[in-house]
């Protein structure tokens, strides 16, 4: 079983495009404008760079 990273993802600019969707597919949908995640383990720096690389404007 693959562990899923949980977090809160917010869309501000594209909310009308994504309202009502049940899932997120980054190959078709835009990246979130804001991601909030609490990380109590090491390795957060790598994840922050990944979010920046895909274009998330705020984490």
PDB file of N, CA and C in Angstrom:
ATOM      1  N   UNK A   1       0.849  -1.183   0.000  1.00  0.00           N
ATOM      2  CA  UNK A   1       0.000   0.000   0.000  1.00  0.00           C
ATOM      3  C   UNK A   1       0.893   1.244   0.000  1.00  0.00           C
ATOM      4  N   UNK A   2       0.597   2.170  -0.858  1.00  0.00           N
ATOM      5  CA  UNK A   2       1.377   3.393  -0.960  1.00  0.00           C
ATOM      6  C   UNK A   2       0.831   4.447  -0.010  1.00  0.00           C
ATOM      7  N   UNK A   3       1.725   5.040   0.755  1.00  0.00           N
ATOM      8  CA  UNK A   3       1.314   6.083   1.695  1.00  0.00           C
ATOM      9  C   UNK A   3       1.061   7.386   0.940  1.00  0.00           C
ATOM     10  N   UNK A   4      -0.049   8.006   1.234  1.00  0.00           N
ATOM     11  CA  UNK A   4      -0.392   9.281   0.593  1.00  0.00           C
ATOM     12  C   UNK A   4       0.008  10.433   1.503  1.00  0.00           C
ATOM     13  N   UNK A   5       0.572  11.468   0.905  1.00  0.00           N
ATOM     14  CA  UNK A   5       0.860  12.692   1.654  1.00  0.00           C
ATOM     15  C   UNK A   5      -0.412  13.499   1.758  1.00  0.00           C
ATOM     16  N   UNK A   6      -0.800  13.796   2.957  1.00  0.00           N
ATOM     17  CA  UNK A   6      -2.008  14.582   3.171  1.00  0.00           C
ATOM     18  C   UNK A   6      -1.618  16.036   3.410  1.00  0.00           C
ATOM     19  N   UNK A   7      -2.437  16.898   2.953  1.00  0.00           N
ATOM     20  CA  UNK A   7      -2.231  18.317   3.145  1.00  0.00           C
ATOM     21  C   UNK A   7      -3.474  19.055   2.699  1.00  0.00           C
ATOM     22  N   UNK A   8      -3.488  20.328   2.900  1.00  0.00           N
ATOM     23  CA  UNK A   8      -4.594  21.165   2.451  1.00  0.00           C
ATOM     24  C   UNK A   8      -4.142  21.910   1.203  1.00  0.00           C
ATOM     25  N   UNK A   9      -4.891  21.759   0.141  1.00  0.00           N
ATOM     26  CA  UNK A   9      -4.556  22.373  -1.129  1.00  0.00           C
ATOM     27  C   UNK A   9      -5.618  23.401  -1.468  1.00  0.00           C
ATOM     28  N   UNK A  10      -5.185  24.608  -1.766  1.00  0.00           N
ATOM     29  CA  UNK A  10      -6.129  25.689  -2.045  1.00  0.00           C
ATOM     30  C   UNK A  10      -5.934  26.227  -3.458  1.00  0.00           C
ATOM     31  N   UNK A  11      -7.043  26.410  -4.129  1.00  0.00           N
ATOM     32  CA  UNK A  11      -7.048  27.045  -5.447  1.00  0.00           C
ATOM     33  C   UNK A  11      -7.708  28.398  -5.301  1.00  0.00           C
ATOM     34  N   UNK A  12      -7.035  29.405  -5.761  1.00  0.00           N
ATOM     35  CA  UNK A  12      -7.559  30.760  -5.687  1.00  0.00           C
ATOM     36  C   UNK A  12      -7.867  31.252  -7.100  1.00  0.00           C
ATOM     37  N   UNK A  13      -6.899  31.147  -7.990  1.00  0.00           N
ATOM     38  CA  UNK A  13      -7.070  31.646  -9.358  1.00  0.00           C
ATOM     39  C   UNK A  13      -7.975  30.754 -10.210  1.00  0.00           C
ATOM     40  N   UNK A  14      -7.952  29.455  -9.976  1.00  0.00           N
ATOM     41  CA  UNK A  14      -8.688  28.521 -10.834  1.00  0.00           C
ATOM     42  C   UNK A  14      -9.846  27.832 -10.123  1.00  0.00           C
ATOM     43  N   UNK A  15     -10.394  28.459  -9.124  1.00  0.00           N
ATOM     44  CA  UNK A  15     -11.433  27.814  -8.319  1.00  0.00           C
ATOM     45  C   UNK A  15     -12.661  27.436  -9.155  1.00  0.00           C
ATOM     46  N   UNK A  16     -13.048  28.260 -10.097  1.00  0.00           N
ATOM     47  CA  UNK A  16     -14.237  27.942 -10.894  1.00  0.00           C
ATOM     48  C   UNK A  16     -13.990  26.735 -11.798  1.00  0.00           C
ATOM     49  N   UNK A  17     -12.767  26.561 -12.259  1.00  0.00           N
ATOM     50  CA  UNK A  17     -12.424  25.405 -13.096  1.00  0.00           C
ATOM     51  C   UNK A  17     -12.438  24.100 -12.316  1.00  0.00           C
ATOM     52  N   UNK A  18     -12.127  24.157 -11.031  1.00  0.00           N
ATOM     53  CA  UNK A  18     -11.949  22.945 -10.247  1.00  0.00           C
ATOM     54  C   UNK A  18     -13.071  22.667  -9.257  1.00  0.00           C
ATOM     55  N   UNK A  19     -13.971  23.578  -9.093  1.00  0.00           N
ATOM     56  CA  UNK A  19     -15.073  23.386  -8.135  1.00  0.00           C
ATOM     57  C   UNK A  19     -15.871  22.140  -8.506  1.00  0.00           C
ATOM     58  N   UNK A  20     -16.104  21.287  -7.506  1.00  0.00           N
ATOM     59  CA  UNK A  20     -16.892  20.087  -7.707  1.00  0.00           C
ATOM     60  C   UNK A  20     -16.079  18.851  -8.083  1.00  0.00           C
ATOM     61  N   UNK A  21     -14.803  19.012  -8.390  1.00  0.00           N
ATOM     62  CA  UNK A  21     -13.970  17.854  -8.727  1.00  0.00           C
ATOM     63  C   UNK A  21     -13.653  17.063  -7.469  1.00  0.00           C
ATOM     64  N   UNK A  22     -13.568  15.757  -7.594  1.00  0.00           N
ATOM     65  CA  UNK A  22     -13.280  14.905  -6.441  1.00  0.00           C
ATOM     66  C   UNK A  22     -11.806  14.553  -6.333  1.00  0.00           C
ATOM     67  N   UNK A  23     -11.055  14.683  -7.398  1.00  0.00           N
ATOM     68  CA  UNK A  23      -9.643  14.321  -7.376  1.00  0.00           C
ATOM     69  C   UNK A  23      -8.810  15.330  -8.129  1.00  0.00           C
ATOM     70  N   UNK A  24      -7.514  15.218  -7.969  1.00  0.00           N
ATOM     71  CA  UNK A  24      -6.584  16.134  -8.617  1.00  0.00           C
ATOM     72  C   UNK A  24      -5.676  15.331  -9.529  1.00  0.00           C
ATOM     73  N   UNK A  25      -5.562  15.758 -10.758  1.00  0.00           N
ATOM     74  CA  UNK A  25      -4.680  15.129 -11.729  1.00  0.00           C
ATOM     75  C   UNK A  25      -3.784  16.222 -12.292  1.00  0.00           C
ATOM     76  N   UNK A  26      -2.526  16.254 -11.831  1.00  0.00           N
ATOM     77  CA  UNK A  26      -1.632  17.342 -12.224  1.00  0.00           C
ATOM     78  C   UNK A  26      -1.212  17.286 -13.684  1.00  0.00           C
ATOM     79  N   UNK A  27      -1.534  16.205 -14.389  1.00  0.00           N
ATOM     80  CA  UNK A  27      -1.256  16.198 -15.826  1.00  0.00           C
ATOM     81  C   UNK A  27      -2.336  16.955 -16.595  1.00  0.00           C
ATOM     82  N   UNK A  28      -3.493  17.179 -15.953  1.00  0.00           N
ATOM     83  CA  UNK A  28      -4.592  17.893 -16.604  1.00  0.00           C
ATOM     84  C   UNK A  28      -4.984  19.167 -15.857  1.00  0.00           C
ATOM     85  N   UNK A  29      -4.921  19.142 -14.542  1.00  0.00           N
ATOM     86  CA  UNK A  29      -5.364  20.267 -13.723  1.00  0.00           C
ATOM     87  C   UNK A  29      -4.198  21.187 -13.388  1.00  0.00           C
ATOM     88  N   UNK A  30      -4.487  22.465 -13.142  1.00  0.00           N
ATOM     89  CA  UNK A  30      -3.417  23.372 -12.720  1.00  0.00           C
ATOM     90  C   UNK A  30      -2.951  23.032 -11.302  1.00  0.00           C
ATOM     91  N   UNK A  31      -1.735  23.461 -10.975  1.00  0.00           N
ATOM     92  CA  UNK A  31      -1.221  23.224  -9.625  1.00  0.00           C
ATOM     93  C   UNK A  31      -1.950  24.140  -8.649  1.00  0.00           C
ATOM     94  N   UNK A  32      -2.046  23.741  -7.378  1.00  0.00           N
ATOM     95  CA  UNK A  32      -2.686  24.595  -6.373  1.00  0.00           C
ATOM     96  C   UNK A  32      -1.918  25.907  -6.201  1.00  0.00           C
ATOM     97  N   UNK A  33      -2.621  26.945  -5.781  1.00  0.00           N
ATOM     98  CA  UNK A  33      -1.976  28.218  -5.491  1.00  0.00           C
ATOM     99  C   UNK A  33      -1.347  28.233  -4.109  1.00  0.00           C
ATOM    100  N   UNK A  34      -1.893  27.443  -3.194  1.00  0.00           N
ATOM    101  CA  UNK A  34      -1.399  27.411  -1.819  1.00  0.00           C
ATOM    102  C   UNK A  34      -1.506  25.999  -1.284  1.00  0.00           C
ATOM    103  N   UNK A  35      -0.440  25.519  -0.652  1.00  0.00           N
ATOM    104  CA  UNK A  35      -0.453  24.204  -0.016  1.00  0.00           C
ATOM    105  C   UNK A  35      -0.059  24.387   1.439  1.00  0.00           C
ATOM    106  N   UNK A  36      -0.858  23.805   2.338  1.00  0.00           N
ATOM    107  CA  UNK A  36      -0.537  23.840   3.764  1.00  0.00           C
ATOM    108  C   UNK A  36      -0.336  22.406   4.228  1.00  0.00           C
ATOM    109  N   UNK A  37       0.793  22.162   4.844  1.00  0.00           N
ATOM    110  CA  UNK A  37       1.107  20.817   5.294  1.00  0.00           C
ATOM    111  C   UNK A  37       1.933  20.908   6.563  1.00  0.00           C
ATOM    112  N   UNK A  38       1.624  20.052   7.515  1.00  0.00           N
ATOM    113  CA  UNK A  38       2.408  19.966   8.739  1.00  0.00           C
ATOM    114  C   UNK A  38       3.294  18.745   8.608  1.00  0.00           C
ATOM    115  N   UNK A  39       4.592  18.957   8.725  1.00  0.00           N
ATOM    116  CA  UNK A  39       5.546  17.874   8.569  1.00  0.00           C
ATOM    117  C   UNK A  39       6.340  17.740   9.861  1.00  0.00           C
ATOM    118  N   UNK A  40       6.223  16.601  10.500  1.00  0.00           N
ATOM    119  CA  UNK A  40       6.935  16.377  11.761  1.00  0.00           C
ATOM    120  C   UNK A  40       8.109  15.423  11.570  1.00  0.00           C
ATOM    121  N   UNK A  41       8.498  15.234  10.317  1.00  0.00           N
ATOM    122  CA  UNK A  41       9.641  14.377  10.013  1.00  0.00           C
ATOM    123  C   UNK A  41      10.704  15.187   9.300  1.00  0.00           C
ATOM    124  N   UNK A  42      11.828  14.554   9.092  1.00  0.00           N
ATOM    125  CA  UNK A  42      12.892  15.215   8.336  1.00  0.00           C
ATOM    126  C   UNK A  42      12.606  15.081   6.845  1.00  0.00           C
ATOM    127  N   UNK A  43      13.229  15.909   6.050  1.00  0.00           N
ATOM    128  CA  UNK A  43      13.074  15.798   4.609  1.00  0.00           C
ATOM    129  C   UNK A  43      12.122  16.804   3.991  1.00  0.00           C
ATOM    130  N   UNK A  44      11.664  17.754   4.749  1.00  0.00           N
ATOM    131  CA  UNK A  44      10.732  18.746   4.212  1.00  0.00           C
ATOM    132  C   UNK A  44      11.367  19.593   3.121  1.00  0.00           C
ATOM    133  N   UNK A  45      12.659  19.843   3.233  1.00  0.00           N
ATOM    134  CA  UNK A  45      13.322  20.689   2.242  1.00  0.00           C
ATOM    135  C   UNK A  45      13.157  20.135   0.838  1.00  0.00           C
ATOM    136  N   UNK A  46      13.242  18.823   0.685  1.00  0.00           N
ATOM    137  CA  UNK A  46      13.064  18.212  -0.633  1.00  0.00           C
ATOM    138  C   UNK A  46      11.656  18.445  -1.158  1.00  0.00           C
ATOM    139  N   UNK A  47      10.668  18.304  -0.309  1.00  0.00           N
ATOM    140  CA  UNK A  47       9.280  18.490  -0.746  1.00  0.00           C
ATOM    141  C   UNK A  47       9.012  19.939  -1.127  1.00  0.00           C
ATOM    142  N   UNK A  48       9.569  20.871  -0.395  1.00  0.00           N
ATOM    143  CA  UNK A  48       9.360  22.280  -0.718  1.00  0.00           C
ATOM    144  C   UNK A  48       9.903  22.599  -2.102  1.00  0.00           C
ATOM    145  N   UNK A  49      11.025  22.035  -2.457  1.00  0.00           N
ATOM    146  CA  UNK A  49      11.596  22.265  -3.782  1.00  0.00           C
ATOM    147  C   UNK A  49      10.710  21.657  -4.863  1.00  0.00           C
ATOM    148  N   UNK A  50      10.139  20.507  -4.592  1.00  0.00           N
ATOM    149  CA  UNK A  50       9.233  19.879  -5.561  1.00  0.00           C
ATOM    150  C   UNK A  50       8.027  20.771  -5.808  1.00  0.00           C
ATOM    151  N   UNK A  51       7.428  21.293  -4.745  1.00  0.00           N
ATOM    152  CA  UNK A  51       6.286  22.202  -4.906  1.00  0.00           C
ATOM    153  C   UNK A  51       6.681  23.435  -5.710  1.00  0.00           C
ATOM    154  N   UNK A  52       7.850  23.989  -5.431  1.00  0.00           N
ATOM    155  CA  UNK A  52       8.323  25.165  -6.175  1.00  0.00           C
ATOM    156  C   UNK A  52       8.530  24.815  -7.647  1.00  0.00           C
ATOM    157  N   UNK A  53       9.077  23.642  -7.922  1.00  0.00           N
ATOM    158  CA  UNK A  53       9.336  23.227  -9.296  1.00  0.00           C
ATOM    159  C   UNK A  53       8.074  23.067 -10.133  1.00  0.00           C
ATOM    160  N   UNK A  54       6.958  22.650  -9.500  1.00  0.00           N
ATOM    161  CA  UNK A  54       5.728  22.492 -10.273  1.00  0.00           C
ATOM    162  C   UNK A  54       4.905  23.782 -10.332  1.00  0.00           C
ATOM    163  N   UNK A  55       5.368  24.829  -9.662  1.00  0.00           N
ATOM    164  CA  UNK A  55       4.732  26.132  -9.808  1.00  0.00           C
ATOM    165  C   UNK A  55       3.785  26.558  -8.712  1.00  0.00           C
ATOM    166  N   UNK A  56       3.788  25.866  -7.569  1.00  0.00           N
ATOM    167  CA  UNK A  56       2.940  26.301  -6.453  1.00  0.00           C
ATOM    168  C   UNK A  56       3.496  27.623  -5.936  1.00  0.00           C
ATOM    169  N   UNK A  57       2.655  28.639  -5.847  1.00  0.00           N
ATOM    170  CA  UNK A  57       3.141  29.972  -5.487  1.00  0.00           C
ATOM    171  C   UNK A  57       3.356  30.157  -3.991  1.00  0.00           C
ATOM    172  N   UNK A  58       2.747  29.343  -3.134  1.00  0.00           N
ATOM    173  CA  UNK A  58       2.935  29.485  -1.687  1.00  0.00           C
ATOM    174  C   UNK A  58       2.774  28.135  -1.011  1.00  0.00           C
ATOM    175  N   UNK A  59       3.695  27.826  -0.109  1.00  0.00           N
ATOM    176  CA  UNK A  59       3.620  26.587   0.679  1.00  0.00           C
ATOM    177  C   UNK A  59       3.744  26.957   2.123  1.00  0.00           C
TER     178      UNK A  59
END
